[in-house]
Amino acid sequence: MHKPNEHPREVYFEFTAIGAAVKVAAIDAETGIEVVAMGPSSATQGQLEQLALQKLKARLAQKPV
């Protein structure tokens, strides 16, 4: 999640199973901004992380950091 010559951002992920779905929270370590996404429990961890990461990138683009 970085531009060339920019230090990559650290992102924390938290997964919570809720029935047939999984809630994944993505938290930007630098700002503490958190977003939540939902996906099917059949999705891989990598797929869920990508979903949440894209949402976090969009959120960070809205607020100068």
C-alpha atoms as a PDB file:
ATOM      1  CA  MET A   1       0.000   0.000   0.000  1.00  0.00           C
ATOM      2  CA  HIS A   2       2.596   2.516  -1.080  1.00  0.00           C
ATOM      3  CA  LYS A   3       3.908   4.561  -3.943  1.00  0.00           C
ATOM      4  CA  PRO A   4       7.417   4.052  -5.346  1.00  0.00           C
ATOM      5  CA  ASN A   5      10.093   5.426  -2.990  1.00  0.00           C
ATOM      6  CA  GLU A   6       7.555   5.668  -0.146  1.00  0.00           C
ATOM      7  CA  HIS A   7       7.745   3.669   3.074  1.00  0.00           C
ATOM      8  CA  PRO A   8       5.058   0.927   3.057  1.00  0.00           C
ATOM      9  CA  ARG A   9       2.253   1.345   5.581  1.00  0.00           C
ATOM     10  CA  GLU A  10       1.699  -1.226   8.277  1.00  0.00           C
ATOM     11  CA  VAL A  11      -1.841  -2.608   8.336  1.00  0.00           C
ATOM     12  CA  TYR A  12      -3.365  -4.868  10.981  1.00  0.00           C
ATOM     13  CA  PHE A  13      -6.154  -7.304  10.104  1.00  0.00           C
ATOM     14  CA  GLU A  14      -8.703  -8.807  12.485  1.00  0.00           C
ATOM     15  CA  PHE A  15     -11.012 -11.652  11.434  1.00  0.00           C
ATOM     16  CA  THR A  16     -14.297 -12.581  13.124  1.00  0.00           C
ATOM     17  CA  ALA A  17     -16.460 -15.477  11.925  1.00  0.00           C
ATOM     18  CA  ILE A  18     -20.175 -14.674  11.999  1.00  0.00           C
ATOM     19  CA  GLY A  19     -22.207 -17.658  10.818  1.00  0.00           C
ATOM     20  CA  ALA A  20     -21.537 -18.170   7.098  1.00  0.00           C
ATOM     21  CA  ALA A  21     -19.712 -14.830   6.837  1.00  0.00           C
ATOM     22  CA  VAL A  22     -16.424 -13.382   8.034  1.00  0.00           C
ATOM     23  CA  LYS A  23     -15.971  -9.818   9.223  1.00  0.00           C
ATOM     24  CA  VAL A  24     -12.503  -8.460   8.538  1.00  0.00           C
ATOM     25  CA  ALA A  25     -11.261  -5.212  10.021  1.00  0.00           C
ATOM     26  CA  ALA A  26      -8.262  -3.440   8.485  1.00  0.00           C
ATOM     27  CA  ILE A  27      -6.490  -0.918  10.707  1.00  0.00           C
ATOM     28  CA  ASP A  28      -3.820   1.511   9.523  1.00  0.00           C
ATOM     29  CA  ALA A  29      -1.063   1.407  12.147  1.00  0.00           C
ATOM     30  CA  GLU A  30       0.023   5.015  11.593  1.00  0.00           C
ATOM     31  CA  THR A  31      -3.359   6.739  11.833  1.00  0.00           C
ATOM     32  CA  GLY A  32      -5.522   4.193  13.660  1.00  0.00           C
ATOM     33  CA  ILE A  33      -8.151   4.492  10.915  1.00  0.00           C
ATOM     34  CA  GLU A  34     -10.206   1.303  10.731  1.00  0.00           C
ATOM     35  CA  VAL A  35     -12.565  -0.051   8.106  1.00  0.00           C
ATOM     36  CA  VAL A  36     -14.677  -3.206   8.173  1.00  0.00           C
ATOM     37  CA  ALA A  37     -15.646  -5.480   5.282  1.00  0.00           C
ATOM     38  CA  MET A  38     -17.720  -8.645   5.157  1.00  0.00           C
ATOM     39  CA  GLY A  39     -17.187 -11.693   2.983  1.00  0.00           C
ATOM     40  CA  PRO A  40     -18.246 -15.328   2.734  1.00  0.00           C
ATOM     41  CA  SER A  41     -16.515 -17.856   4.965  1.00  0.00           C
ATOM     42  CA  SER A  42     -15.589 -19.747   1.772  1.00  0.00           C
ATOM     43  CA  ALA A  43     -13.252 -16.888   0.746  1.00  0.00           C
ATOM     44  CA  THR A  44      -9.552 -17.256   1.475  1.00  0.00           C
ATOM     45  CA  GLN A  45      -7.814 -15.107   4.063  1.00  0.00           C
ATOM     46  CA  GLY A  46      -5.892 -13.401   1.265  1.00  0.00           C
ATOM     47  CA  GLN A  47      -9.087 -12.528  -0.606  1.00  0.00           C
ATOM     48  CA  LEU A  48     -10.649 -11.053   2.520  1.00  0.00           C
ATOM     49  CA  GLU A  49      -7.494  -9.062   3.295  1.00  0.00           C
ATOM     50  CA  GLN A  50      -7.456  -7.635  -0.243  1.00  0.00           C
ATOM     51  CA  LEU A  51     -11.121  -6.623   0.070  1.00  0.00           C
ATOM     52  CA  ALA A  52     -10.508  -4.840   3.373  1.00  0.00           C
ATOM     53  CA  LEU A  53      -7.235  -3.314   2.150  1.00  0.00           C
ATOM     54  CA  GLN A  54      -8.920  -1.776  -0.897  1.00  0.00           C
ATOM     55  CA  LYS A  55     -11.581  -0.288   1.369  1.00  0.00           C
ATOM     56  CA  LEU A  56      -8.885   1.074   3.710  1.00  0.00           C
ATOM     57  CA  LYS A  57      -6.979   2.632   0.786  1.00  0.00           C
ATOM     58  CA  ALA A  58     -10.157   4.383  -0.358  1.00  0.00           C
ATOM     59  CA  ARG A  59     -10.781   5.663   3.177  1.00  0.00           C
ATOM     60  CA  LEU A  60      -7.211   6.925   3.571  1.00  0.00           C
ATOM     61  CA  ALA A  61      -7.456   8.737   0.244  1.00  0.00           C
ATOM     62  CA  GLN A  62     -10.355  10.760   1.664  1.00  0.00           C
ATOM     63  CA  LYS A  63      -8.369  12.081   4.647  1.00  0.00           C
ATOM     64  CA  PRO A  64      -4.893  13.579   4.313  1.00  0.00           C
ATOM     65  CA  VAL A  65      -2.488  11.685   6.532  1.00  0.00           C
END
